[in-house]
Amino acid sequence: MRSLMVAIRTSVFLMILCGLAYPLATTGVAQVLFHKQAEGSLVMQNGKVQGSALLAQGFNGPQWFHPRASAAKYDPTASAATNAAVSSKQYIESVKNNVDHIKSENNNVSKTIPADLVTTSGSGFDPDLSPEAANAQVPRIAQAKGITQERLLSLINEHTKGRSLGIFGEPRVNVLELNMAMESIK
């Protein structure tokens, strides 16, 4: 009986420590030190939430920069990659369909299409594009919005973020932030 009471007290103590105290402490520290990130890195415009800088969202219409394709159809409750091997028929067919779609949307693209325009990311929610992928969409957007290509290229350059710590990753452009900046151009 004594062993049972020790086991119960230990279990209750660990449940309170690990299930209540630790989560509250880490949440509190995150709110104080990393408030924006703890709140979801929300992007605001005119006092309204436009989206998160961490999650891609679909933009329909020729007047917008389009993000990477999403295996989850941009549904944040369904994060998923295709998990198809690059040698599988499913993957090859998917990329081929994406290439055809990009070519039909952007008459200017040559045989070399940036890979991030035709492949999905691991999570299905990569909010960024390479500057090359954004540049490939410029003629379509310029025509649809009536903005000069030079102004759009300048906007892409202004919003291009370099490598993290100067060595990790590749240069990238956040599609949501780029579209919001483009929306403010008159």
C-alpha atoms as a PDB file:
ATOM      1  CA  MET A   1       0.000   0.000   0.000  1.00  0.00           C
ATOM      2  CA  ARG A   2       2.856   2.365   0.806  1.00  0.00           C
ATOM      3  CA  SER A   3       4.351   1.839  -2.697  1.00  0.00           C
ATOM      4  CA  LEU A   4       0.981   2.609  -4.272  1.00  0.00           C
ATOM      5  CA  MET A   5       0.718   5.931  -2.382  1.00  0.00           C
ATOM      6  CA  VAL A   6       4.267   6.900  -3.441  1.00  0.00           C
ATOM      7  CA  ALA A   7       3.401   6.076  -7.058  1.00  0.00           C
ATOM      8  CA  ILE A   8       0.177   8.146  -6.915  1.00  0.00           C
ATOM      9  CA  ARG A   9       1.928  11.155  -5.331  1.00  0.00           C
ATOM     10  CA  THR A  10       4.751  10.948  -7.863  1.00  0.00           C
ATOM     11  CA  SER A  11       2.262  10.739 -10.751  1.00  0.00           C
ATOM     12  CA  VAL A  12       0.237  13.707  -9.490  1.00  0.00           C
ATOM     13  CA  PHE A  13       3.422  15.740  -8.943  1.00  0.00           C
ATOM     14  CA  LEU A  14       4.706  14.955 -12.451  1.00  0.00           C
ATOM     15  CA  MET A  15       1.309  15.700 -14.022  1.00  0.00           C
ATOM     16  CA  ILE A  16       1.244  19.124 -12.351  1.00  0.00           C
ATOM     17  CA  LEU A  17       4.894  19.805 -13.217  1.00  0.00           C
ATOM     18  CA  CYS A  18       4.857  18.554 -16.819  1.00  0.00           C
ATOM     19  CA  GLY A  19       1.221  19.157 -17.700  1.00  0.00           C
ATOM     20  CA  LEU A  20       0.634  22.532 -16.072  1.00  0.00           C
ATOM     21  CA  ALA A  21       3.701  24.319 -14.687  1.00  0.00           C
ATOM     22  CA  TYR A  22       6.066  23.698 -17.624  1.00  0.00           C
ATOM     23  CA  PRO A  23       3.562  24.637 -20.386  1.00  0.00           C
ATOM     24  CA  LEU A  24       2.549  27.789 -18.486  1.00  0.00           C
ATOM     25  CA  ALA A  25       6.186  28.775 -17.939  1.00  0.00           C
ATOM     26  CA  THR A  26       7.210  28.233 -21.574  1.00  0.00           C
ATOM     27  CA  THR A  27       4.118  30.053 -22.841  1.00  0.00           C
ATOM     28  CA  GLY A  28       4.829  32.966 -20.498  1.00  0.00           C
ATOM     29  CA  VAL A  29       8.464  33.203 -21.558  1.00  0.00           C
ATOM     30  CA  ALA A  30       7.466  33.018 -25.237  1.00  0.00           C
ATOM     31  CA  GLN A  31       4.883  35.787 -24.788  1.00  0.00           C
ATOM     32  CA  VAL A  32       7.432  38.042 -23.090  1.00  0.00           C
ATOM     33  CA  LEU A  33      10.528  37.381 -25.217  1.00  0.00           C
ATOM     34  CA  PHE A  34       9.011  36.421 -28.592  1.00  0.00           C
ATOM     35  CA  HIS A  35       5.546  37.978 -28.547  1.00  0.00           C
ATOM     36  CA  LYS A  36       5.099  38.331 -32.328  1.00  0.00           C
ATOM     37  CA  GLN A  37       6.162  34.745 -33.003  1.00  0.00           C
ATOM     38  CA  ALA A  38       4.095  33.377 -30.101  1.00  0.00           C
ATOM     39  CA  GLU A  39       1.031  35.068 -31.581  1.00  0.00           C
ATOM     40  CA  GLY A  40       1.587  33.415 -34.985  1.00  0.00           C
ATOM     41  CA  SER A  41       3.692  36.072 -36.768  1.00  0.00           C
ATOM     42  CA  LEU A  42       0.501  37.761 -37.943  1.00  0.00           C
ATOM     43  CA  VAL A  43       0.778  40.336 -40.709  1.00  0.00           C
ATOM     44  CA  MET A  44      -1.453  43.355 -40.121  1.00  0.00           C
ATOM     45  CA  GLN A  45      -2.604  46.043 -42.537  1.00  0.00           C
ATOM     46  CA  ASN A  46      -4.892  48.903 -41.532  1.00  0.00           C
ATOM     47  CA  GLY A  47      -5.611  47.161 -38.223  1.00  0.00           C
ATOM     48  CA  LYS A  48      -6.768  43.940 -39.904  1.00  0.00           C
ATOM     49  CA  VAL A  49      -5.020  40.583 -39.958  1.00  0.00           C
ATOM     50  CA  GLN A  50      -4.055  39.723 -43.533  1.00  0.00           C
ATOM     51  CA  GLY A  51      -2.416  36.389 -42.747  1.00  0.00           C
ATOM     52  CA  SER A  52       0.682  34.924 -41.187  1.00  0.00           C
ATOM     53  CA  ALA A  53       4.219  35.496 -42.399  1.00  0.00           C
ATOM     54  CA  LEU A  54       4.815  31.801 -41.697  1.00  0.00           C
ATOM     55  CA  LEU A  55       1.993  30.249 -43.756  1.00  0.00           C
ATOM     56  CA  ALA A  56       1.365  30.445 -47.469  1.00  0.00           C
ATOM     57  CA  GLN A  57      -2.069  31.318 -48.664  1.00  0.00           C
ATOM     58  CA  GLY A  58      -3.474  31.013 -52.131  1.00  0.00           C
ATOM     59  CA  PHE A  59      -3.898  34.096 -54.304  1.00  0.00           C
ATOM     60  CA  ASN A  60      -6.245  33.756 -57.260  1.00  0.00           C
ATOM     61  CA  GLY A  61      -6.128  35.891 -60.333  1.00  0.00           C
ATOM     62  CA  PRO A  62      -3.460  37.111 -62.710  1.00  0.00           C
ATOM     63  CA  GLN A  63      -2.880  40.313 -60.705  1.00  0.00           C
ATOM     64  CA  TRP A  64      -1.188  38.524 -57.771  1.00  0.00           C
ATOM     65  CA  PHE A  65       2.096  36.802 -57.111  1.00  0.00           C
ATOM     66  CA  HIS A  66       1.240  33.158 -56.646  1.00  0.00           C
ATOM     67  CA  PRO A  67       2.969  31.064 -53.964  1.00  0.00           C
ATOM     68  CA  ARG A  68       4.315  27.549 -54.317  1.00  0.00           C
ATOM     69  CA  ALA A  69       1.786  24.851 -55.007  1.00  0.00           C
ATOM     70  CA  SER A  70       0.324  23.352 -51.839  1.00  0.00           C
ATOM     71  CA  ALA A  71      -0.391  19.655 -51.363  1.00  0.00           C
ATOM     72  CA  ALA A  72      -2.753  20.739 -48.562  1.00  0.00           C
ATOM     73  CA  LYS A  73      -4.538  23.305 -50.784  1.00  0.00           C
ATOM     74  CA  TYR A  74      -3.457  26.051 -48.310  1.00  0.00           C
ATOM     75  CA  ASP A  75      -5.664  24.578 -45.561  1.00  0.00           C
ATOM     76  CA  PRO A  76      -3.715  25.133 -42.306  1.00  0.00           C
ATOM     77  CA  THR A  77      -5.561  22.272 -40.610  1.00  0.00           C
ATOM     78  CA  ALA A  78      -4.326  19.810 -43.212  1.00  0.00           C
ATOM     79  CA  SER A  79      -0.572  20.338 -43.394  1.00  0.00           C
ATOM     80  CA  ALA A  80       0.813  17.719 -45.704  1.00  0.00           C
ATOM     81  CA  ALA A  81       3.389  17.005 -48.305  1.00  0.00           C
ATOM     82  CA  THR A  82       2.721  14.675 -51.196  1.00  0.00           C
ATOM     83  CA  ASN A  83       5.261  12.141 -49.918  1.00  0.00           C
ATOM     84  CA  ALA A  84       5.634  11.005 -53.520  1.00  0.00           C
ATOM     85  CA  ALA A  85       9.109   9.928 -54.566  1.00  0.00           C
ATOM     86  CA  VAL A  86      10.623  12.030 -57.342  1.00  0.00           C
ATOM     87  CA  SER A  87      10.734   8.937 -59.514  1.00  0.00           C
ATOM     88  CA  SER A  88       7.046   8.071 -59.001  1.00  0.00           C
ATOM     89  CA  LYS A  89       4.493   8.542 -61.753  1.00  0.00           C
ATOM     90  CA  GLN A  90       2.341  10.597 -59.370  1.00  0.00           C
ATOM     91  CA  TYR A  91       5.147  13.100 -58.708  1.00  0.00           C
ATOM     92  CA  ILE A  92       6.176  13.348 -62.355  1.00  0.00           C
ATOM     93  CA  GLU A  93       2.554  13.898 -63.419  1.00  0.00           C
ATOM     94  CA  SER A  94       2.031  16.511 -60.707  1.00  0.00           C
ATOM     95  CA  VAL A  95       5.134  18.484 -61.720  1.00  0.00           C
ATOM     96  CA  LYS A  96       4.200  18.197 -65.408  1.00  0.00           C
ATOM     97  CA  ASN A  97       0.717  19.578 -64.653  1.00  0.00           C
ATOM     98  CA  ASN A  98       2.245  22.414 -62.631  1.00  0.00           C
ATOM     99  CA  VAL A  99       4.665  23.235 -65.480  1.00  0.00           C
ATOM    100  CA  ASP A 100       1.767  23.350 -67.956  1.00  0.00           C
ATOM    101  CA  HIS A 101      -0.210  25.590 -65.593  1.00  0.00           C
ATOM    102  CA  ILE A 102       2.730  27.974 -65.084  1.00  0.00           C
ATOM    103  CA  LYS A 103       3.346  28.169 -68.843  1.00  0.00           C
ATOM    104  CA  SER A 104      -0.320  28.884 -69.563  1.00  0.00           C
ATOM    105  CA  GLU A 105      -0.417  31.589 -66.883  1.00  0.00           C
ATOM    106  CA  ASN A 106       2.938  33.184 -67.694  1.00  0.00           C
ATOM    107  CA  ASN A 107       3.575  33.343 -71.437  1.00  0.00           C
ATOM    108  CA  ASN A 108       7.064  34.697 -70.816  1.00  0.00           C
ATOM    109  CA  VAL A 109       8.554  31.673 -69.046  1.00  0.00           C
ATOM    110  CA  SER A 110      11.199  29.846 -70.967  1.00  0.00           C
ATOM    111  CA  LYS A 111      12.233  26.232 -70.741  1.00  0.00           C
ATOM    112  CA  THR A 112      13.868  27.004 -67.392  1.00  0.00           C
ATOM    113  CA  ILE A 113      11.136  27.424 -64.800  1.00  0.00           C
ATOM    114  CA  PRO A 114      12.212  27.975 -61.184  1.00  0.00           C
ATOM    115  CA  ALA A 115      11.665  24.711 -59.301  1.00  0.00           C
ATOM    116  CA  ASP A 116       9.708  26.334 -56.497  1.00  0.00           C
ATOM    117  CA  LEU A 117       6.965  27.322 -58.954  1.00  0.00           C
ATOM    118  CA  VAL A 118       6.255  23.708 -59.886  1.00  0.00           C
ATOM    119  CA  THR A 119       7.032  21.705 -56.738  1.00  0.00           C
ATOM    120  CA  THR A 120       5.372  21.714 -53.335  1.00  0.00           C
ATOM    121  CA  SER A 121       7.219  22.329 -50.101  1.00  0.00           C
ATOM    122  CA  GLY A 122       7.588  19.705 -47.395  1.00  0.00           C
ATOM    123  CA  SER A 123       4.868  21.243 -45.228  1.00  0.00           C
ATOM    124  CA  GLY A 124       2.660  22.494 -48.027  1.00  0.00           C
ATOM    125  CA  PHE A 125       2.790  25.994 -46.515  1.00  0.00           C
ATOM    126  CA  ASP A 126       6.092  27.565 -47.543  1.00  0.00           C
ATOM    127  CA  PRO A 127       5.284  31.301 -47.538  1.00  0.00           C
ATOM    128  CA  ASP A 128       8.350  32.256 -49.559  1.00  0.00           C
ATOM    129  CA  LEU A 129       9.445  32.091 -53.172  1.00  0.00           C
ATOM    130  CA  SER A 130      12.866  32.476 -54.663  1.00  0.00           C
ATOM    131  CA  PRO A 131      13.427  35.892 -56.265  1.00  0.00           C
ATOM    132  CA  GLU A 132      13.674  34.049 -59.613  1.00  0.00           C
ATOM    133  CA  ALA A 133      10.199  32.542 -59.140  1.00  0.00           C
ATOM    134  CA  ALA A 134       8.775  35.956 -58.291  1.00  0.00           C
ATOM    135  CA  ASN A 135      10.545  37.526 -61.297  1.00  0.00           C
ATOM    136  CA  ALA A 136       9.023  34.900 -63.618  1.00  0.00           C
ATOM    137  CA  GLN A 137       5.538  36.179 -62.708  1.00  0.00           C
ATOM    138  CA  VAL A 138       6.282  39.872 -63.325  1.00  0.00           C
ATOM    139  CA  PRO A 139       5.073  40.213 -66.960  1.00  0.00           C
ATOM    140  CA  ARG A 140       1.685  38.641 -66.161  1.00  0.00           C
ATOM    141  CA  ILE A 141       1.168  40.829 -63.091  1.00  0.00           C
ATOM    142  CA  ALA A 142       2.378  43.995 -64.824  1.00  0.00           C
ATOM    143  CA  GLN A 143      -0.150  43.486 -67.594  1.00  0.00           C
ATOM    144  CA  ALA A 144      -3.009  42.624 -65.216  1.00  0.00           C
ATOM    145  CA  LYS A 145      -2.322  45.461 -62.751  1.00  0.00           C
ATOM    146  CA  GLY A 146      -1.086  48.115 -65.165  1.00  0.00           C
ATOM    147  CA  ILE A 147       2.184  48.488 -63.250  1.00  0.00           C
ATOM    148  CA  THR A 148       5.523  48.698 -65.023  1.00  0.00           C
ATOM    149  CA  GLN A 149       7.726  45.624 -64.914  1.00  0.00           C
ATOM    150  CA  GLU A 150      10.572  47.752 -63.601  1.00  0.00           C
ATOM    151  CA  ARG A 151       8.482  48.826 -60.603  1.00  0.00           C
ATOM    152  CA  LEU A 152       7.541  45.209 -59.835  1.00  0.00           C
ATOM    153  CA  LEU A 153      11.164  44.069 -60.120  1.00  0.00           C
ATOM    154  CA  SER A 154      12.165  46.879 -57.775  1.00  0.00           C
ATOM    155  CA  LEU A 155       9.445  45.796 -55.341  1.00  0.00           C
ATOM    156  CA  ILE A 156      10.759  42.222 -55.424  1.00  0.00           C
ATOM    157  CA  ASN A 157      14.289  43.473 -54.711  1.00  0.00           C
ATOM    158  CA  GLU A 158      13.020  45.596 -51.801  1.00  0.00           C
ATOM    159  CA  HIS A 159      11.300  42.574 -50.238  1.00  0.00           C
ATOM    160  CA  THR A 160      14.018  39.988 -50.874  1.00  0.00           C
ATOM    161  CA  LYS A 161      15.474  38.621 -47.643  1.00  0.00           C
ATOM    162  CA  GLY A 162      18.992  37.240 -47.725  1.00  0.00           C
ATOM    163  CA  ARG A 163      20.342  34.040 -46.235  1.00  0.00           C
ATOM    164  CA  SER A 164      19.725  33.562 -42.505  1.00  0.00           C
ATOM    165  CA  LEU A 165      22.857  34.602 -40.610  1.00  0.00           C
ATOM    166  CA  GLY A 166      24.442  35.131 -44.016  1.00  0.00           C
ATOM    167  CA  ILE A 167      25.005  31.400 -44.625  1.00  0.00           C
ATOM    168  CA  PHE A 168      21.793  29.390 -44.123  1.00  0.00           C
ATOM    169  CA  GLY A 169      19.135  28.925 -46.783  1.00  0.00           C
ATOM    170  CA  GLU A 170      18.620  30.851 -49.964  1.00  0.00           C
ATOM    171  CA  PRO A 171      17.413  34.387 -50.708  1.00  0.00           C
ATOM    172  CA  ARG A 172      13.617  34.503 -50.523  1.00  0.00           C
ATOM    173  CA  VAL A 173      10.567  36.715 -50.906  1.00  0.00           C
ATOM    174  CA  ASN A 174       7.466  36.406 -48.721  1.00  0.00           C
ATOM    175  CA  VAL A 175       4.495  36.228 -51.116  1.00  0.00           C
ATOM    176  CA  LEU A 176       1.933  37.706 -48.696  1.00  0.00           C
ATOM    177  CA  GLU A 177       4.132  40.698 -47.873  1.00  0.00           C
ATOM    178  CA  LEU A 178       4.972  41.189 -51.557  1.00  0.00           C
ATOM    179  CA  ASN A 179       1.297  41.165 -52.575  1.00  0.00           C
ATOM    180  CA  MET A 180       0.414  43.577 -49.764  1.00  0.00           C
ATOM    181  CA  ALA A 181       3.177  45.962 -50.875  1.00  0.00           C
ATOM    182  CA  MET A 182       2.040  45.681 -54.485  1.00  0.00           C
ATOM    183  CA  GLU A 183      -1.537  46.443 -53.438  1.00  0.00           C
ATOM    184  CA  SER A 184      -0.416  49.781 -52.008  1.00  0.00           C
ATOM    185  CA  ILE A 185       1.144  50.900 -55.321  1.00  0.00           C
ATOM    186  CA  LYS A 186      -0.977  53.416 -57.157  1.00  0.00           C
END
